[in-house]
Amino acid sequence: MSREETKGKAKQVSGKIHEDEGKTTGDTREELKGKLKQIEGKIQEGAGKIRRKIKEEDQRADRA
């Protein structure tokens, strides 16, 4: 797992915490902020995964 993927996962966890906090306190704005942060994290994780796979493929191509 790349650093970018790890950062994305961490952002997702943080977003879930904010979402749950918003639900618990009835703060819709906080809940939505948390959901948005989770989406950002998924995007960041996905981008990291794509970069990692491209790098792995380049390395395989160099060996061949």
N, C-alpha and C. Protein backbone atom coordinates (compact mmCIF):
# COMPACT_ATOMS: atom_id res chain seq x y z
N MET A 1 0.85 -1.17 0.00
CA MET A 1 0.00 0.00 0.00
C MET A 1 0.90 1.24 0.00
N SER A 2 0.58 2.17 -0.87
CA SER A 2 1.38 3.38 -1.00
C SER A 2 1.01 4.40 0.08
N ARG A 3 1.86 5.40 0.19
CA ARG A 3 1.62 6.46 1.16
C ARG A 3 0.29 7.18 0.84
N GLU A 4 0.03 7.40 -0.45
CA GLU A 4 -1.19 8.09 -0.86
C GLU A 4 -2.43 7.27 -0.49
N GLU A 5 -2.33 5.96 -0.65
CA GLU A 5 -3.45 5.08 -0.27
C GLU A 5 -3.69 5.15 1.24
N THR A 6 -2.61 5.15 2.00
CA THR A 6 -2.72 5.22 3.46
C THR A 6 -3.35 6.54 3.90
N LYS A 7 -2.92 7.63 3.28
CA LYS A 7 -3.50 8.93 3.61
C LYS A 7 -4.99 8.96 3.28
N GLY A 8 -5.36 8.35 2.17
CA GLY A 8 -6.77 8.28 1.79
C GLY A 8 -7.59 7.51 2.81
N LYS A 9 -7.06 6.36 3.25
CA LYS A 9 -7.74 5.56 4.27
C LYS A 9 -7.92 6.36 5.57
N ALA A 10 -6.86 7.07 5.96
CA ALA A 10 -6.92 7.87 7.18
C ALA A 10 -7.98 8.96 7.06
N LYS A 11 -8.07 9.56 5.89
CA LYS A 11 -9.07 10.60 5.67
C LYS A 11 -10.48 10.01 5.76
N GLN A 12 -10.64 8.79 5.28
CA GLN A 12 -11.94 8.14 5.36
C GLN A 12 -12.34 7.89 6.81
N VAL A 13 -11.39 7.43 7.61
CA VAL A 13 -11.66 7.16 9.02
C VAL A 13 -12.02 8.46 9.73
N SER A 14 -11.25 9.50 9.47
CA SER A 14 -11.52 10.80 10.08
C SER A 14 -12.91 11.30 9.68
N GLY A 15 -13.25 11.12 8.42
CA GLY A 15 -14.56 11.54 7.94
C GLY A 15 -15.68 10.79 8.62
N LYS A 16 -15.48 9.49 8.83
CA LYS A 16 -16.50 8.68 9.51
C LYS A 16 -16.70 9.17 10.94
N ILE A 17 -15.62 9.54 11.60
CA ILE A 17 -15.71 10.05 12.96
C ILE A 17 -16.52 11.35 12.98
N HIS A 18 -16.24 12.24 12.03
CA HIS A 18 -16.99 13.50 11.95
C HIS A 18 -18.46 13.24 11.63
N GLU A 19 -18.71 12.30 10.74
CA GLU A 19 -20.09 11.97 10.38
C GLU A 19 -20.85 11.46 11.61
N ASP A 20 -20.23 10.53 12.33
CA ASP A 20 -20.87 9.97 13.54
C ASP A 20 -21.08 11.04 14.60
N GLU A 21 -20.11 11.92 14.74
CA GLU A 21 -20.24 13.03 15.70
C GLU A 21 -21.44 13.91 15.32
N GLY A 22 -21.57 14.20 14.04
CA GLY A 22 -22.69 15.01 13.58
C GLY A 22 -24.02 14.33 13.82
N LYS A 23 -24.07 13.02 13.58
CA LYS A 23 -25.30 12.27 13.83
C LYS A 23 -25.66 12.29 15.31
N THR A 24 -24.64 12.09 16.15
CA THR A 24 -24.86 12.03 17.59
C THR A 24 -25.36 13.37 18.14
N THR A 25 -24.78 14.46 17.67
CA THR A 25 -25.14 15.78 18.19
C THR A 25 -26.28 16.43 17.41
N GLY A 26 -26.69 15.80 16.31
CA GLY A 26 -27.76 16.38 15.50
C GLY A 26 -27.28 17.52 14.62
N ASP A 27 -25.97 17.60 14.41
CA ASP A 27 -25.37 18.66 13.60
C ASP A 27 -25.24 18.16 12.16
N THR A 28 -26.22 18.51 11.34
CA THR A 28 -26.26 18.05 9.96
C THR A 28 -25.04 18.53 9.18
N ARG A 29 -24.60 19.74 9.45
CA ARG A 29 -23.45 20.29 8.74
C ARG A 29 -22.19 19.45 9.00
N GLU A 30 -21.97 19.09 10.25
CA GLU A 30 -20.82 18.27 10.63
C GLU A 30 -20.92 16.88 9.99
N GLU A 31 -22.12 16.35 9.96
CA GLU A 31 -22.36 15.05 9.35
C GLU A 31 -22.00 15.08 7.85
N LEU A 32 -22.42 16.13 7.18
CA LEU A 32 -22.12 16.27 5.75
C LEU A 32 -20.64 16.49 5.50
N LYS A 33 -19.99 17.26 6.39
CA LYS A 33 -18.54 17.46 6.27
C LYS A 33 -17.82 16.11 6.36
N GLY A 34 -18.30 15.27 7.26
CA GLY A 34 -17.71 13.95 7.43
C GLY A 34 -17.89 13.09 6.19
N LYS A 35 -19.08 13.13 5.62
CA LYS A 35 -19.33 12.35 4.40
C LYS A 35 -18.44 12.84 3.26
N LEU A 36 -18.29 14.15 3.14
CA LEU A 36 -17.45 14.72 2.10
C LEU A 36 -15.99 14.29 2.28
N LYS A 37 -15.54 14.29 3.52
CA LYS A 37 -14.17 13.89 3.81
C LYS A 37 -13.95 12.41 3.46
N GLN A 38 -14.96 11.59 3.69
CA GLN A 38 -14.86 10.18 3.33
C GLN A 38 -14.74 10.01 1.81
N ILE A 39 -15.51 10.78 1.07
CA ILE A 39 -15.44 10.73 -0.39
C ILE A 39 -14.06 11.17 -0.87
N GLU A 40 -13.55 12.25 -0.28
CA GLU A 40 -12.20 12.71 -0.63
C GLU A 40 -11.18 11.62 -0.37
N GLY A 41 -11.34 10.94 0.75
CA GLY A 41 -10.42 9.86 1.10
C GLY A 41 -10.47 8.71 0.12
N LYS A 42 -11.68 8.36 -0.33
CA LYS A 42 -11.82 7.28 -1.31
C LYS A 42 -11.16 7.66 -2.62
N ILE A 43 -11.32 8.90 -3.02
CA ILE A 43 -10.69 9.38 -4.26
C ILE A 43 -9.18 9.34 -4.12
N GLN A 44 -8.68 9.83 -2.99
CA GLN A 44 -7.23 9.86 -2.76
C GLN A 44 -6.66 8.44 -2.72
N GLU A 45 -7.36 7.55 -2.07
CA GLU A 45 -6.92 6.16 -2.00
C GLU A 45 -6.90 5.53 -3.41
N GLY A 46 -7.94 5.79 -4.18
CA GLY A 46 -8.02 5.26 -5.54
C GLY A 46 -6.91 5.79 -6.42
N ALA A 47 -6.63 7.08 -6.31
CA ALA A 47 -5.55 7.68 -7.09
C ALA A 47 -4.21 7.05 -6.71
N GLY A 48 -4.00 6.83 -5.44
CA GLY A 48 -2.77 6.19 -4.98
C GLY A 48 -2.64 4.78 -5.51
N LYS A 49 -3.75 4.06 -5.54
CA LYS A 49 -3.74 2.69 -6.04
C LYS A 49 -3.40 2.67 -7.53
N ILE A 50 -3.98 3.59 -8.29
CA ILE A 50 -3.69 3.67 -9.72
C ILE A 50 -2.21 3.99 -9.95
N ARG A 51 -1.69 4.97 -9.21
CA ARG A 51 -0.27 5.32 -9.35
C ARG A 51 0.64 4.14 -9.04
N ARG A 52 0.28 3.41 -7.97
CA ARG A 52 1.09 2.27 -7.56
C ARG A 52 1.08 1.19 -8.64
N LYS A 53 -0.10 0.91 -9.18
CA LYS A 53 -0.20 -0.12 -10.22
C LYS A 53 0.55 0.28 -11.48
N ILE A 54 0.48 1.54 -11.85
CA ILE A 54 1.24 2.02 -13.03
C ILE A 54 2.73 1.83 -12.79
N LYS A 55 3.19 2.20 -11.60
CA LYS A 55 4.60 2.06 -11.26
C LYS A 55 5.03 0.59 -11.31
N GLU A 56 4.18 -0.30 -10.78
CA GLU A 56 4.48 -1.73 -10.80
C GLU A 56 4.57 -2.24 -12.24
N GLU A 57 3.65 -1.80 -13.08
CA GLU A 57 3.67 -2.22 -14.49
C GLU A 57 4.91 -1.71 -15.21
N ASP A 58 5.30 -0.47 -14.92
CA ASP A 58 6.51 0.09 -15.52
C ASP A 58 7.73 -0.72 -15.12
N GLN A 59 7.78 -1.11 -13.85
CA GLN A 59 8.91 -1.90 -13.36
C GLN A 59 8.94 -3.26 -14.02
N ARG A 60 7.77 -3.88 -14.23
CA ARG A 60 7.70 -5.17 -14.91
C ARG A 60 8.15 -5.04 -16.36
N ALA A 61 7.74 -3.95 -17.00
CA ALA A 61 8.10 -3.73 -18.40
C ALA A 61 9.61 -3.51 -18.53
N ASP A 62 10.21 -2.85 -17.55
CA ASP A 62 11.66 -2.62 -17.58
C ASP A 62 12.44 -3.93 -17.44
N ARG A 63 11.89 -4.86 -16.68
CA ARG A 63 12.56 -6.16 -16.48
C ARG A 63 12.46 -7.04 -17.72
N ALA A 64 11.43 -6.84 -18.50
CA ALA A 64 11.20 -7.72 -19.66
C ALA A 64 12.08 -7.37 -20.84
